Amino acid sequence: MRVIAGTFRSRKLIAPRGSGTRPTSDRLRETLFNILAPRVAGCRFADLYAGTGAVGIEAISRGAEHVWFAERAEPALAAIRANLKALKIARGFTVEARGTGALLERLAKAAEKGGSVAAESVEGARAGNLLDLVYIDPPWEAEAEYAKTLHLMGSARGRLMLAPGALVVAEHSSKAQLAERYGELAQTRTLKQGDAALSFYSVAVL
């Protein structure tokens, strides 16, 4: 597993041993970032259910302004921190060790407060809308996690976390089919690659 492009191109990344963590493959990550390329530089990126952190680190390597990593499994957290340390990435990121739900709660509260308060209360957040790109990759069998997180992002509260034109991407099994709509999030594209698939969502235009 390696960083595909950018500042840390070709640098190796580690993953926990065993099957507890399923890293996004290099090939799928390359496909993802080929699509996201025009949006990444200067963006605010959330890597939810981050696993090894490879997706968020790829975003940092390609110029993201700030990346939030949400992960609560200890072996995966250790891998994220080890990868950041090995690459000497000292700023421009936040690791939320309580997981995706805790991170989104923090961001939602900050967004609800608005203005400069939001910028001060959550590291890396600017005033107003917070996230430009969101990547969701829970265990493929965890259907409830997909539904819960995507419904939240598509709710009125979730929209406060999203910048205008924000994109939400979910990685899932190519055998699974996510809903076409979660609240105000509408599916715009699904791309399949081997056993994996990427479903893209944006706020529906009325």
N, C-alpha and C. Protein backbone atom coordinates (compact mmCIF):
# COMPACT_ATOMS: atom_id res chain seq x y z
N MET A 1 0.85 -1.17 0.00
CA MET A 1 0.00 0.00 0.00
C MET A 1 0.90 1.24 0.00
N ARG A 2 0.57 2.22 -0.85
CA ARG A 2 1.42 3.39 -0.98
C ARG A 2 0.59 4.62 -1.29
N VAL A 3 1.20 5.78 -1.13
CA VAL A 3 0.58 7.03 -1.55
C VAL A 3 0.70 7.13 -3.06
N ILE A 4 -0.37 7.47 -3.74
CA ILE A 4 -0.39 7.43 -5.20
C ILE A 4 0.31 8.63 -5.82
N ALA A 5 0.00 9.84 -5.34
CA ALA A 5 0.51 11.04 -6.00
C ALA A 5 0.67 12.17 -4.99
N GLY A 6 1.30 13.26 -5.45
CA GLY A 6 1.45 14.44 -4.62
C GLY A 6 2.76 14.47 -3.86
N THR A 7 2.78 15.22 -2.77
CA THR A 7 3.99 15.44 -1.98
C THR A 7 4.63 14.15 -1.51
N PHE A 8 3.81 13.17 -1.14
CA PHE A 8 4.32 11.91 -0.57
C PHE A 8 4.21 10.75 -1.55
N ARG A 9 4.22 11.05 -2.81
CA ARG A 9 4.06 10.04 -3.85
C ARG A 9 5.02 8.87 -3.67
N SER A 10 4.45 7.66 -3.78
CA SER A 10 5.18 6.38 -3.72
C SER A 10 5.65 6.00 -2.32
N ARG A 11 5.38 6.82 -1.32
CA ARG A 11 5.75 6.44 0.04
C ARG A 11 4.83 5.32 0.53
N LYS A 12 5.42 4.36 1.23
CA LYS A 12 4.66 3.20 1.70
C LYS A 12 3.85 3.54 2.94
N LEU A 13 2.71 2.88 3.07
CA LEU A 13 1.85 3.02 4.23
C LEU A 13 1.67 1.64 4.88
N ILE A 14 1.47 1.64 6.18
CA ILE A 14 1.28 0.37 6.88
C ILE A 14 -0.20 0.16 7.19
N ALA A 15 -0.58 -1.10 7.38
CA ALA A 15 -1.93 -1.47 7.77
C ALA A 15 -1.84 -2.48 8.90
N PRO A 16 -2.83 -2.52 9.78
CA PRO A 16 -2.82 -3.52 10.85
C PRO A 16 -2.85 -4.93 10.28
N ARG A 17 -2.27 -5.87 10.99
CA ARG A 17 -2.33 -7.27 10.58
C ARG A 17 -3.73 -7.82 10.78
N GLY A 18 -4.05 -8.85 10.01
CA GLY A 18 -5.34 -9.51 10.17
C GLY A 18 -6.40 -8.88 9.29
N SER A 19 -7.63 -9.36 9.46
CA SER A 19 -8.73 -8.95 8.59
C SER A 19 -9.64 -7.90 9.22
N GLY A 20 -9.22 -7.38 10.39
CA GLY A 20 -10.07 -6.40 11.07
C GLY A 20 -10.18 -5.09 10.34
N THR A 21 -9.17 -4.75 9.54
CA THR A 21 -9.18 -3.52 8.74
C THR A 21 -9.06 -3.89 7.28
N ARG A 22 -9.92 -3.30 6.43
CA ARG A 22 -9.88 -3.55 4.99
C ARG A 22 -9.48 -2.26 4.28
N PRO A 23 -8.18 -2.10 4.01
CA PRO A 23 -7.74 -0.86 3.38
C PRO A 23 -8.31 -0.71 1.96
N THR A 24 -8.61 0.54 1.59
CA THR A 24 -8.97 0.83 0.20
C THR A 24 -7.77 0.52 -0.67
N SER A 25 -7.96 -0.25 -1.72
CA SER A 25 -6.84 -0.66 -2.56
C SER A 25 -6.20 0.54 -3.25
N ASP A 26 -4.91 0.39 -3.59
CA ASP A 26 -4.22 1.46 -4.32
C ASP A 26 -4.95 1.79 -5.62
N ARG A 27 -5.42 0.76 -6.30
CA ARG A 27 -6.09 0.97 -7.59
C ARG A 27 -7.37 1.77 -7.43
N LEU A 28 -8.17 1.41 -6.42
CA LEU A 28 -9.42 2.13 -6.21
C LEU A 28 -9.15 3.56 -5.74
N ARG A 29 -8.14 3.73 -4.89
CA ARG A 29 -7.79 5.07 -4.42
C ARG A 29 -7.34 5.95 -5.59
N GLU A 30 -6.58 5.36 -6.51
CA GLU A 30 -6.14 6.11 -7.68
C GLU A 30 -7.35 6.53 -8.52
N THR A 31 -8.29 5.61 -8.72
CA THR A 31 -9.50 5.93 -9.48
C THR A 31 -10.28 7.05 -8.79
N LEU A 32 -10.44 6.92 -7.48
CA LEU A 32 -11.16 7.94 -6.71
C LEU A 32 -10.54 9.31 -6.89
N PHE A 33 -9.23 9.40 -6.71
CA PHE A 33 -8.59 10.72 -6.75
C PHE A 33 -8.42 11.24 -8.18
N ASN A 34 -8.45 10.38 -9.17
CA ASN A 34 -8.53 10.88 -10.54
C ASN A 34 -9.83 11.65 -10.75
N ILE A 35 -10.90 11.17 -10.13
CA ILE A 35 -12.20 11.84 -10.23
C ILE A 35 -12.23 13.11 -9.38
N LEU A 36 -11.66 13.03 -8.18
CA LEU A 36 -11.71 14.16 -7.25
C LEU A 36 -10.65 15.22 -7.53
N ALA A 37 -9.71 14.94 -8.41
CA ALA A 37 -8.52 15.78 -8.60
C ALA A 37 -8.79 17.29 -8.62
N PRO A 38 -9.79 17.78 -9.36
CA PRO A 38 -9.98 19.24 -9.41
C PRO A 38 -10.45 19.84 -8.10
N ARG A 39 -10.92 19.00 -7.18
CA ARG A 39 -11.52 19.48 -5.94
C ARG A 39 -10.60 19.41 -4.72
N VAL A 40 -9.47 18.73 -4.84
CA VAL A 40 -8.72 18.37 -3.63
C VAL A 40 -7.86 19.50 -3.08
N ALA A 41 -7.12 20.19 -3.92
CA ALA A 41 -6.22 21.24 -3.43
C ALA A 41 -7.01 22.29 -2.66
N GLY A 42 -6.60 22.52 -1.42
CA GLY A 42 -7.24 23.53 -0.59
C GLY A 42 -8.56 23.11 0.04
N CYS A 43 -8.94 21.85 -0.12
CA CYS A 43 -10.25 21.41 0.38
C CYS A 43 -10.19 21.03 1.85
N ARG A 44 -11.37 20.88 2.46
CA ARG A 44 -11.54 20.33 3.81
C ARG A 44 -12.18 18.97 3.63
N PHE A 45 -11.50 17.93 4.12
CA PHE A 45 -11.78 16.53 3.76
C PHE A 45 -12.04 15.73 5.02
N ALA A 46 -13.10 14.95 5.04
CA ALA A 46 -13.36 14.04 6.16
C ALA A 46 -13.21 12.60 5.69
N ASP A 47 -12.33 11.86 6.36
CA ASP A 47 -12.09 10.44 6.08
C ASP A 47 -12.78 9.66 7.21
N LEU A 48 -14.01 9.22 6.95
CA LEU A 48 -14.83 8.59 7.98
C LEU A 48 -14.66 7.07 7.94
N TYR A 49 -14.59 6.45 9.11
CA TYR A 49 -14.22 5.03 9.23
C TYR A 49 -12.86 4.87 8.53
N ALA A 50 -11.88 5.62 8.99
CA ALA A 50 -10.66 5.88 8.22
C ALA A 50 -9.73 4.68 8.06
N GLY A 51 -9.85 3.67 8.93
CA GLY A 51 -8.97 2.51 8.77
C GLY A 51 -7.51 2.91 8.92
N THR A 52 -6.72 2.68 7.90
CA THR A 52 -5.29 3.02 7.92
C THR A 52 -5.04 4.50 7.72
N GLY A 53 -6.07 5.23 7.29
CA GLY A 53 -5.89 6.65 6.97
C GLY A 53 -5.38 6.90 5.58
N ALA A 54 -5.30 5.86 4.75
CA ALA A 54 -4.69 6.01 3.42
C ALA A 54 -5.42 7.03 2.55
N VAL A 55 -6.76 7.06 2.64
CA VAL A 55 -7.52 7.99 1.80
C VAL A 55 -7.26 9.42 2.24
N GLY A 56 -7.35 9.67 3.55
CA GLY A 56 -7.10 11.02 4.04
C GLY A 56 -5.67 11.47 3.80
N ILE A 57 -4.71 10.56 3.95
CA ILE A 57 -3.31 10.90 3.69
C ILE A 57 -3.10 11.22 2.22
N GLU A 58 -3.78 10.51 1.35
CA GLU A 58 -3.72 10.82 -0.08
C GLU A 58 -4.22 12.24 -0.33
N ALA A 59 -5.29 12.63 0.38
CA ALA A 59 -5.81 13.98 0.23
C ALA A 59 -4.79 15.02 0.71
N ILE A 60 -4.15 14.75 1.85
CA ILE A 60 -3.10 15.66 2.34
C ILE A 60 -1.97 15.76 1.33
N SER A 61 -1.54 14.63 0.80
CA SER A 61 -0.45 14.60 -0.17
C SER A 61 -0.78 15.45 -1.40
N ARG A 62 -2.06 15.52 -1.75
CA ARG A 62 -2.49 16.27 -2.94
C ARG A 62 -2.93 17.69 -2.63
N GLY A 63 -2.68 18.15 -1.39
CA GLY A 63 -2.88 19.56 -1.12
C GLY A 63 -4.12 19.94 -0.35
N ALA A 64 -4.81 18.99 0.28
CA ALA A 64 -5.98 19.34 1.09
C ALA A 64 -5.55 20.28 2.22
N GLU A 65 -6.41 21.24 2.54
CA GLU A 65 -6.11 22.19 3.61
C GLU A 65 -6.16 21.53 4.98
N HIS A 66 -7.17 20.69 5.21
CA HIS A 66 -7.31 20.01 6.49
C HIS A 66 -8.06 18.70 6.28
N VAL A 67 -7.62 17.65 6.97
CA VAL A 67 -8.28 16.34 6.90
C VAL A 67 -8.65 15.90 8.30
N TRP A 68 -9.90 15.49 8.46
CA TRP A 68 -10.35 14.88 9.71
C TRP A 68 -10.40 13.37 9.52
N PHE A 69 -9.69 12.62 10.37
CA PHE A 69 -9.72 11.16 10.37
C PHE A 69 -10.62 10.71 11.52
N ALA A 70 -11.65 9.93 11.23
CA ALA A 70 -12.52 9.38 12.27
C ALA A 70 -12.35 7.87 12.30
N GLU A 71 -11.89 7.35 13.42
CA GLU A 71 -11.65 5.91 13.57
C GLU A 71 -11.60 5.60 15.06
N ARG A 72 -12.18 4.46 15.48
CA ARG A 72 -12.14 4.12 16.90
C ARG A 72 -11.47 2.78 17.18
N ALA A 73 -11.18 1.97 16.18
CA ALA A 73 -10.49 0.69 16.41
C ALA A 73 -9.01 0.96 16.72
N GLU A 74 -8.54 0.46 17.84
CA GLU A 74 -7.18 0.77 18.29
C GLU A 74 -6.10 0.39 17.27
N PRO A 75 -6.16 -0.82 16.67
CA PRO A 75 -5.11 -1.15 15.70
C PRO A 75 -5.09 -0.19 14.51
N ALA A 76 -6.28 0.22 14.03
CA ALA A 76 -6.34 1.16 12.92
C ALA A 76 -5.84 2.54 13.33
N LEU A 77 -6.23 2.98 14.53
CA LEU A 77 -5.74 4.27 15.03
C LEU A 77 -4.22 4.29 15.11
N ALA A 78 -3.64 3.18 15.58
CA ALA A 78 -2.18 3.09 15.66
C ALA A 78 -1.56 3.20 14.27
N ALA A 79 -2.21 2.59 13.27
CA ALA A 79 -1.70 2.65 11.90
C ALA A 79 -1.78 4.07 11.34
N ILE A 80 -2.90 4.76 11.60
CA ILE A 80 -3.04 6.15 11.14
C ILE A 80 -1.91 7.00 11.71
N ARG A 81 -1.74 6.91 13.03
CA ARG A 81 -0.72 7.74 13.68
C ARG A 81 0.69 7.38 13.21
N ALA A 82 0.94 6.08 13.02
CA ALA A 82 2.26 5.66 12.54
C ALA A 82 2.51 6.16 11.12
N ASN A 83 1.50 6.11 10.27
CA ASN A 83 1.66 6.59 8.90
C ASN A 83 1.90 8.10 8.86
N LEU A 84 1.16 8.85 9.66
CA LEU A 84 1.36 10.31 9.71
C LEU A 84 2.76 10.63 10.23
N LYS A 85 3.19 9.91 11.25
CA LYS A 85 4.51 10.15 11.81
C LYS A 85 5.62 9.80 10.82
N ALA A 86 5.47 8.67 10.13
CA ALA A 86 6.49 8.24 9.16
C ALA A 86 6.65 9.26 8.03
N LEU A 87 5.54 9.88 7.65
CA LEU A 87 5.59 10.88 6.58
C LEU A 87 5.91 12.28 7.11
N LYS A 88 6.07 12.41 8.43
CA LYS A 88 6.39 13.68 9.08
C LYS A 88 5.32 14.73 8.80
N ILE A 89 4.05 14.27 8.82
CA ILE A 89 2.92 15.18 8.69
C ILE A 89 2.56 15.65 10.10
N ALA A 90 2.81 16.90 10.39
CA ALA A 90 2.66 17.40 11.76
C ALA A 90 1.44 18.29 11.94
N ARG A 91 0.85 18.76 10.87
CA ARG A 91 -0.32 19.63 10.99
C ARG A 91 -1.23 19.45 9.77
N GLY A 92 -2.38 20.11 9.83
CA GLY A 92 -3.33 19.99 8.73
C GLY A 92 -4.23 18.78 8.86
N PHE A 93 -4.32 18.23 10.07
CA PHE A 93 -5.19 17.06 10.26
C PHE A 93 -5.69 17.02 11.70
N THR A 94 -6.78 16.30 11.91
CA THR A 94 -7.32 16.00 13.22
C THR A 94 -7.70 14.53 13.25
N VAL A 95 -7.32 13.81 14.30
CA VAL A 95 -7.71 12.41 14.47
C VAL A 95 -8.76 12.35 15.58
N GLU A 96 -9.95 11.86 15.24
CA GLU A 96 -11.03 11.68 16.21
C GLU A 96 -11.08 10.21 16.59
N ALA A 97 -10.56 9.89 17.79
CA ALA A 97 -10.43 8.50 18.22
C ALA A 97 -11.73 7.91 18.74
N ARG A 98 -12.79 8.70 18.83
CA ARG A 98 -14.09 8.17 19.27
C ARG A 98 -14.95 7.74 18.10
N GLY A 99 -14.46 7.92 16.88
CA GLY A 99 -15.17 7.41 15.71
C GLY A 99 -15.98 8.44 14.96
N THR A 100 -16.67 7.95 13.93
CA THR A 100 -17.39 8.81 13.00
C THR A 100 -18.51 9.60 13.67
N GLY A 101 -19.31 8.93 14.50
CA GLY A 101 -20.42 9.63 15.14
C GLY A 101 -19.97 10.80 15.98
N ALA A 102 -18.88 10.61 16.72
CA ALA A 102 -18.37 11.67 17.58
C ALA A 102 -17.84 12.84 16.75
N LEU A 103 -17.15 12.53 15.66
CA LEU A 103 -16.63 13.61 14.81
C LEU A 103 -17.76 14.42 14.20
N LEU A 104 -18.76 13.74 13.65
CA LEU A 104 -19.86 14.46 13.01
C LEU A 104 -20.64 15.28 14.03
N GLU A 105 -20.75 14.80 15.26
CA GLU A 105 -21.41 15.58 16.30
C GLU A 105 -20.63 16.86 16.58
N ARG A 106 -19.32 16.74 16.66
CA ARG A 106 -18.49 17.93 16.89
C ARG A 106 -18.64 18.93 15.76
N LEU A 107 -18.58 18.44 14.53
CA LEU A 107 -18.68 19.34 13.37
C LEU A 107 -20.06 19.97 13.27
N ALA A 108 -21.09 19.18 13.57
CA ALA A 108 -22.45 19.71 13.50
C ALA A 108 -22.66 20.82 14.53
N LYS A 109 -22.16 20.60 15.74
CA LYS A 109 -22.30 21.62 16.79
C LYS A 109 -21.56 22.89 16.40
N ALA A 110 -20.36 22.73 15.83
CA ALA A 110 -19.59 23.89 15.41
C ALA A 110 -20.32 24.65 14.30
N ALA A 111 -20.88 23.91 13.35
CA ALA A 111 -21.59 24.54 12.24
C ALA A 111 -22.84 25.26 12.72
N GLU A 112 -23.52 24.67 13.71
CA GLU A 112 -24.74 25.29 14.24
C GLU A 112 -24.44 26.62 14.94
N LYS A 113 -23.26 26.69 15.56
CA LYS A 113 -22.89 27.94 16.22
C LYS A 113 -22.55 29.02 15.18
N GLY A 114 -21.95 28.60 14.08
CA GLY A 114 -21.68 29.50 12.97
C GLY A 114 -20.60 30.53 13.28
N GLY A 115 -20.27 31.30 12.25
CA GLY A 115 -19.34 32.41 12.39
C GLY A 115 -17.98 31.99 12.90
N SER A 116 -17.30 32.92 13.57
CA SER A 116 -15.95 32.68 14.04
C SER A 116 -15.91 31.64 15.15
N VAL A 117 -17.03 31.47 15.85
CA VAL A 117 -17.08 30.46 16.91
C VAL A 117 -16.79 29.08 16.35
N ALA A 118 -17.39 28.79 15.18
CA ALA A 118 -17.16 27.48 14.55
C ALA A 118 -15.70 27.30 14.21
N ALA A 119 -15.08 28.36 13.71
CA ALA A 119 -13.68 28.27 13.32
C ALA A 119 -12.79 28.00 14.52
N GLU A 120 -13.17 28.53 15.69
CA GLU A 120 -12.34 28.37 16.87
C GLU A 120 -12.62 27.06 17.60
N SER A 121 -13.84 26.53 17.48
CA SER A 121 -14.23 25.41 18.33
C SER A 121 -13.85 24.05 17.77
N VAL A 122 -13.57 23.96 16.49
CA VAL A 122 -13.13 22.71 15.89
C VAL A 122 -11.85 22.96 15.11
N GLU A 123 -10.79 22.30 15.50
CA GLU A 123 -9.50 22.49 14.85
C GLU A 123 -9.63 22.29 13.34
N GLY A 124 -9.09 23.23 12.58
CA GLY A 124 -9.08 23.11 11.13
C GLY A 124 -10.31 23.64 10.45
N ALA A 125 -11.35 23.98 11.20
CA ALA A 125 -12.60 24.42 10.59
C ALA A 125 -12.58 25.92 10.34
N ARG A 126 -13.03 26.33 9.19
CA ARG A 126 -13.21 27.75 8.91
C ARG A 126 -14.63 28.13 9.26
N ALA A 127 -14.88 29.41 9.37
CA ALA A 127 -16.22 29.87 9.69
C ALA A 127 -17.20 29.41 8.62
N GLY A 128 -18.43 29.15 9.05
CA GLY A 128 -19.46 28.75 8.11
C GLY A 128 -19.38 27.27 7.79
N ASN A 129 -19.70 26.90 6.54
CA ASN A 129 -19.70 25.50 6.13
C ASN A 129 -18.30 24.91 6.25
N LEU A 130 -18.24 23.61 6.59
CA LEU A 130 -16.97 23.02 6.99
C LEU A 130 -16.34 22.09 5.96
N LEU A 131 -17.10 21.20 5.38
CA LEU A 131 -16.53 20.10 4.60
C LEU A 131 -16.80 20.25 3.10
N ASP A 132 -15.73 20.05 2.33
CA ASP A 132 -15.86 20.06 0.87
C ASP A 132 -16.00 18.64 0.32
N LEU A 133 -15.29 17.69 0.94
CA LEU A 133 -15.30 16.30 0.49
C LEU A 133 -15.43 15.38 1.71
N VAL A 134 -16.29 14.39 1.59
CA VAL A 134 -16.50 13.43 2.67
C VAL A 134 -16.38 12.02 2.09
N TYR A 135 -15.53 11.19 2.72
CA TYR A 135 -15.36 9.80 2.27
C TYR A 135 -15.85 8.87 3.37
N ILE A 136 -16.76 7.98 3.02
CA ILE A 136 -17.38 7.08 3.99
C ILE A 136 -17.02 5.64 3.62
N ASP A 137 -16.38 4.92 4.55
CA ASP A 137 -15.96 3.55 4.23
C ASP A 137 -16.04 2.66 5.47
N PRO A 138 -17.26 2.40 5.97
CA PRO A 138 -17.40 1.47 7.09
C PRO A 138 -17.19 0.03 6.61
N PRO A 139 -17.15 -0.94 7.52
CA PRO A 139 -17.12 -2.34 7.07
C PRO A 139 -18.27 -2.59 6.09
N TRP A 140 -18.00 -3.28 5.02
CA TRP A 140 -19.00 -3.44 3.97
C TRP A 140 -20.29 -4.08 4.47
N GLU A 141 -20.18 -4.94 5.48
CA GLU A 141 -21.37 -5.62 5.97
C GLU A 141 -22.20 -4.75 6.93
N ALA A 142 -21.67 -3.59 7.29
CA ALA A 142 -22.34 -2.73 8.28
C ALA A 142 -23.35 -1.81 7.59
N GLU A 143 -24.44 -2.41 7.13
CA GLU A 143 -25.44 -1.63 6.39
C GLU A 143 -26.00 -0.48 7.22
N ALA A 144 -26.16 -0.71 8.52
CA ALA A 144 -26.73 0.33 9.39
C ALA A 144 -25.81 1.54 9.47
N GLU A 145 -24.50 1.32 9.40
CA GLU A 145 -23.56 2.45 9.46
C GLU A 145 -23.68 3.32 8.22
N TYR A 146 -23.78 2.68 7.06
CA TYR A 146 -23.98 3.46 5.82
C TYR A 146 -25.24 4.31 5.93
N ALA A 147 -26.34 3.68 6.30
CA ALA A 147 -27.63 4.37 6.34
C ALA A 147 -27.59 5.51 7.36
N LYS A 148 -27.06 5.23 8.55
CA LYS A 148 -27.04 6.25 9.61
C LYS A 148 -26.21 7.45 9.19
N THR A 149 -25.02 7.21 8.65
CA THR A 149 -24.13 8.32 8.31
C THR A 149 -24.64 9.10 7.11
N LEU A 150 -25.12 8.41 6.09
CA LEU A 150 -25.61 9.11 4.91
C LEU A 150 -26.91 9.87 5.21
N HIS A 151 -27.76 9.29 6.04
CA HIS A 151 -28.98 10.02 6.44
C HIS A 151 -28.62 11.29 7.21
N LEU A 152 -27.62 11.19 8.08
CA LEU A 152 -27.20 12.37 8.82
C LEU A 152 -26.66 13.44 7.88
N MET A 153 -25.80 13.03 6.94
CA MET A 153 -25.23 14.01 6.01
C MET A 153 -26.30 14.65 5.14
N GLY A 154 -27.38 13.91 4.89
CA GLY A 154 -28.46 14.43 4.06
C GLY A 154 -29.54 15.18 4.81
N SER A 155 -29.41 15.26 6.14
CA SER A 155 -30.40 15.95 6.96
C SER A 155 -30.12 17.45 6.97
N ALA A 156 -31.07 18.22 7.49
CA ALA A 156 -30.88 19.67 7.59
C ALA A 156 -29.66 19.98 8.45
N ARG A 157 -29.47 19.20 9.51
CA ARG A 157 -28.31 19.41 10.38
C ARG A 157 -27.02 19.06 9.65
N GLY A 158 -27.06 17.95 8.91
CA GLY A 158 -25.87 17.54 8.18
C GLY A 158 -25.47 18.54 7.12
N ARG A 159 -26.43 19.15 6.47
CA ARG A 159 -26.13 20.12 5.43
C ARG A 159 -25.33 21.30 5.95
N LEU A 160 -25.50 21.62 7.23
CA LEU A 160 -24.74 22.73 7.81
C LEU A 160 -23.25 22.43 7.81
N MET A 161 -22.88 21.15 7.75
CA MET A 161 -21.47 20.76 7.75
C MET A 161 -20.85 20.85 6.36
N LEU A 162 -21.68 20.98 5.33
CA LEU A 162 -21.22 20.86 3.96
C LEU A 162 -21.09 22.21 3.28
N ALA A 163 -19.97 22.43 2.61
CA ALA A 163 -19.79 23.62 1.81
C ALA A 163 -20.64 23.52 0.55
N PRO A 164 -20.97 24.64 -0.08
CA PRO A 164 -21.70 24.58 -1.36
C PRO A 164 -20.95 23.71 -2.36
N GLY A 165 -21.68 22.80 -3.02
CA GLY A 165 -21.05 21.92 -4.00
C GLY A 165 -20.29 20.77 -3.41
N ALA A 166 -20.42 20.54 -2.10
CA ALA A 166 -19.69 19.44 -1.45
C ALA A 166 -20.07 18.09 -2.06
N LEU A 167 -19.13 17.16 -2.00
CA LEU A 167 -19.34 15.81 -2.54
C LEU A 167 -19.13 14.80 -1.43
N VAL A 168 -20.05 13.84 -1.33
CA VAL A 168 -19.97 12.75 -0.36
C VAL A 168 -19.80 11.45 -1.14
N VAL A 169 -18.76 10.68 -0.83
CA VAL A 169 -18.46 9.45 -1.56
C VAL A 169 -18.47 8.28 -0.58
N ALA A 170 -19.20 7.23 -0.92
CA ALA A 170 -19.25 6.03 -0.08
C ALA A 170 -18.62 4.86 -0.83
N GLU A 171 -17.65 4.20 -0.18
CA GLU A 171 -17.09 2.96 -0.73
C GLU A 171 -17.88 1.79 -0.16
N HIS A 172 -18.25 0.85 -1.01
CA HIS A 172 -19.04 -0.30 -0.55
C HIS A 172 -18.79 -1.49 -1.47
N SER A 173 -19.34 -2.63 -1.10
CA SER A 173 -19.23 -3.82 -1.94
C SER A 173 -19.96 -3.59 -3.26
N SER A 174 -19.38 -4.08 -4.34
CA SER A 174 -20.03 -3.93 -5.64
C SER A 174 -21.32 -4.74 -5.72
N LYS A 175 -21.51 -5.68 -4.77
CA LYS A 175 -22.73 -6.47 -4.74
C LYS A 175 -23.86 -5.75 -4.01
N ALA A 176 -23.51 -4.71 -3.28
CA ALA A 176 -24.51 -3.95 -2.52
C ALA A 176 -24.96 -2.74 -3.32
N GLN A 177 -26.17 -2.32 -3.08
CA GLN A 177 -26.70 -1.14 -3.77
C GLN A 177 -27.21 -0.16 -2.71
N LEU A 178 -26.58 0.99 -2.64
CA LEU A 178 -27.02 2.01 -1.70
C LEU A 178 -28.23 2.73 -2.26
N ALA A 179 -28.98 3.37 -1.38
CA ALA A 179 -30.17 4.10 -1.81
C ALA A 179 -29.80 5.26 -2.73
N GLU A 180 -30.72 5.62 -3.60
CA GLU A 180 -30.47 6.73 -4.51
C GLU A 180 -30.56 8.07 -3.80
N ARG A 181 -31.20 8.06 -2.64
CA ARG A 181 -31.36 9.32 -1.92
C ARG A 181 -31.36 9.09 -0.41
N TYR A 182 -30.68 9.99 0.30
CA TYR A 182 -30.69 10.02 1.76
C TYR A 182 -30.99 11.47 2.15
N GLY A 183 -32.25 11.75 2.49
CA GLY A 183 -32.63 13.12 2.77
C GLY A 183 -32.38 13.98 1.55
N GLU A 184 -31.55 15.01 1.72
CA GLU A 184 -31.26 15.91 0.61
C GLU A 184 -30.02 15.50 -0.18
N LEU A 185 -29.42 14.38 0.17
CA LEU A 185 -28.29 13.85 -0.61
C LEU A 185 -28.82 12.96 -1.72
N ALA A 186 -28.47 13.26 -2.95
CA ALA A 186 -28.91 12.47 -4.09
C ALA A 186 -27.70 11.81 -4.76
N GLN A 187 -27.85 10.55 -5.12
CA GLN A 187 -26.77 9.82 -5.79
C GLN A 187 -26.62 10.33 -7.21
N THR A 188 -25.40 10.66 -7.58
CA THR A 188 -25.14 11.19 -8.92
C THR A 188 -24.38 10.21 -9.80
N ARG A 189 -23.73 9.21 -9.18
CA ARG A 189 -22.90 8.29 -9.97
C ARG A 189 -22.50 7.11 -9.11
N THR A 190 -22.40 5.93 -9.70
CA THR A 190 -21.82 4.77 -9.03
C THR A 190 -20.80 4.15 -9.98
N LEU A 191 -19.63 3.89 -9.45
CA LEU A 191 -18.53 3.32 -10.24
C LEU A 191 -18.11 2.02 -9.59
N LYS A 192 -18.09 0.92 -10.36
CA LYS A 192 -17.69 -0.37 -9.83
C LYS A 192 -16.30 -0.74 -10.33
N GLN A 193 -15.50 -1.32 -9.41
CA GLN A 193 -14.16 -1.76 -9.76
C GLN A 193 -13.86 -3.03 -8.98
N GLY A 194 -13.94 -4.17 -9.65
CA GLY A 194 -13.74 -5.44 -8.97
C GLY A 194 -14.81 -5.67 -7.92
N ASP A 195 -14.38 -6.00 -6.70
CA ASP A 195 -15.31 -6.26 -5.61
C ASP A 195 -15.85 -4.99 -4.97
N ALA A 196 -15.27 -3.84 -5.31
CA ALA A 196 -15.61 -2.59 -4.66
C ALA A 196 -16.41 -1.68 -5.58
N ALA A 197 -17.11 -0.74 -4.96
CA ALA A 197 -17.85 0.27 -5.71
C ALA A 197 -17.76 1.59 -4.97
N LEU A 198 -17.89 2.68 -5.72
CA LEU A 198 -17.93 4.03 -5.17
C LEU A 198 -19.24 4.67 -5.58
N SER A 199 -20.01 5.13 -4.61
CA SER A 199 -21.24 5.86 -4.91
C SER A 199 -21.05 7.31 -4.51
N PHE A 200 -21.39 8.23 -5.41
CA PHE A 200 -21.16 9.65 -5.24
C PHE A 200 -22.49 10.34 -4.96
N TYR A 201 -22.48 11.23 -3.97
CA TYR A 201 -23.70 11.95 -3.59
C TYR A 201 -23.40 13.44 -3.48
N SER A 202 -24.40 14.22 -3.83
CA SER A 202 -24.33 15.67 -3.60
C SER A 202 -25.72 16.15 -3.18
N VAL A 203 -25.77 17.35 -2.65
CA VAL A 203 -27.06 17.90 -2.22
C VAL A 203 -27.91 18.15 -3.45
N ALA A 204 -29.13 17.62 -3.43
CA ALA A 204 -30.01 17.74 -4.58
C ALA A 204 -30.37 19.20 -4.82
N VAL A 205 -30.38 19.58 -6.09
CA VAL A 205 -30.77 20.94 -6.48
C VAL A 205 -32.27 20.96 -6.72
N LEU A 206 -32.98 21.80 -5.98
CA LEU A 206 -34.42 21.87 -6.11
C LEU A 206 -34.83 22.67 -7.32
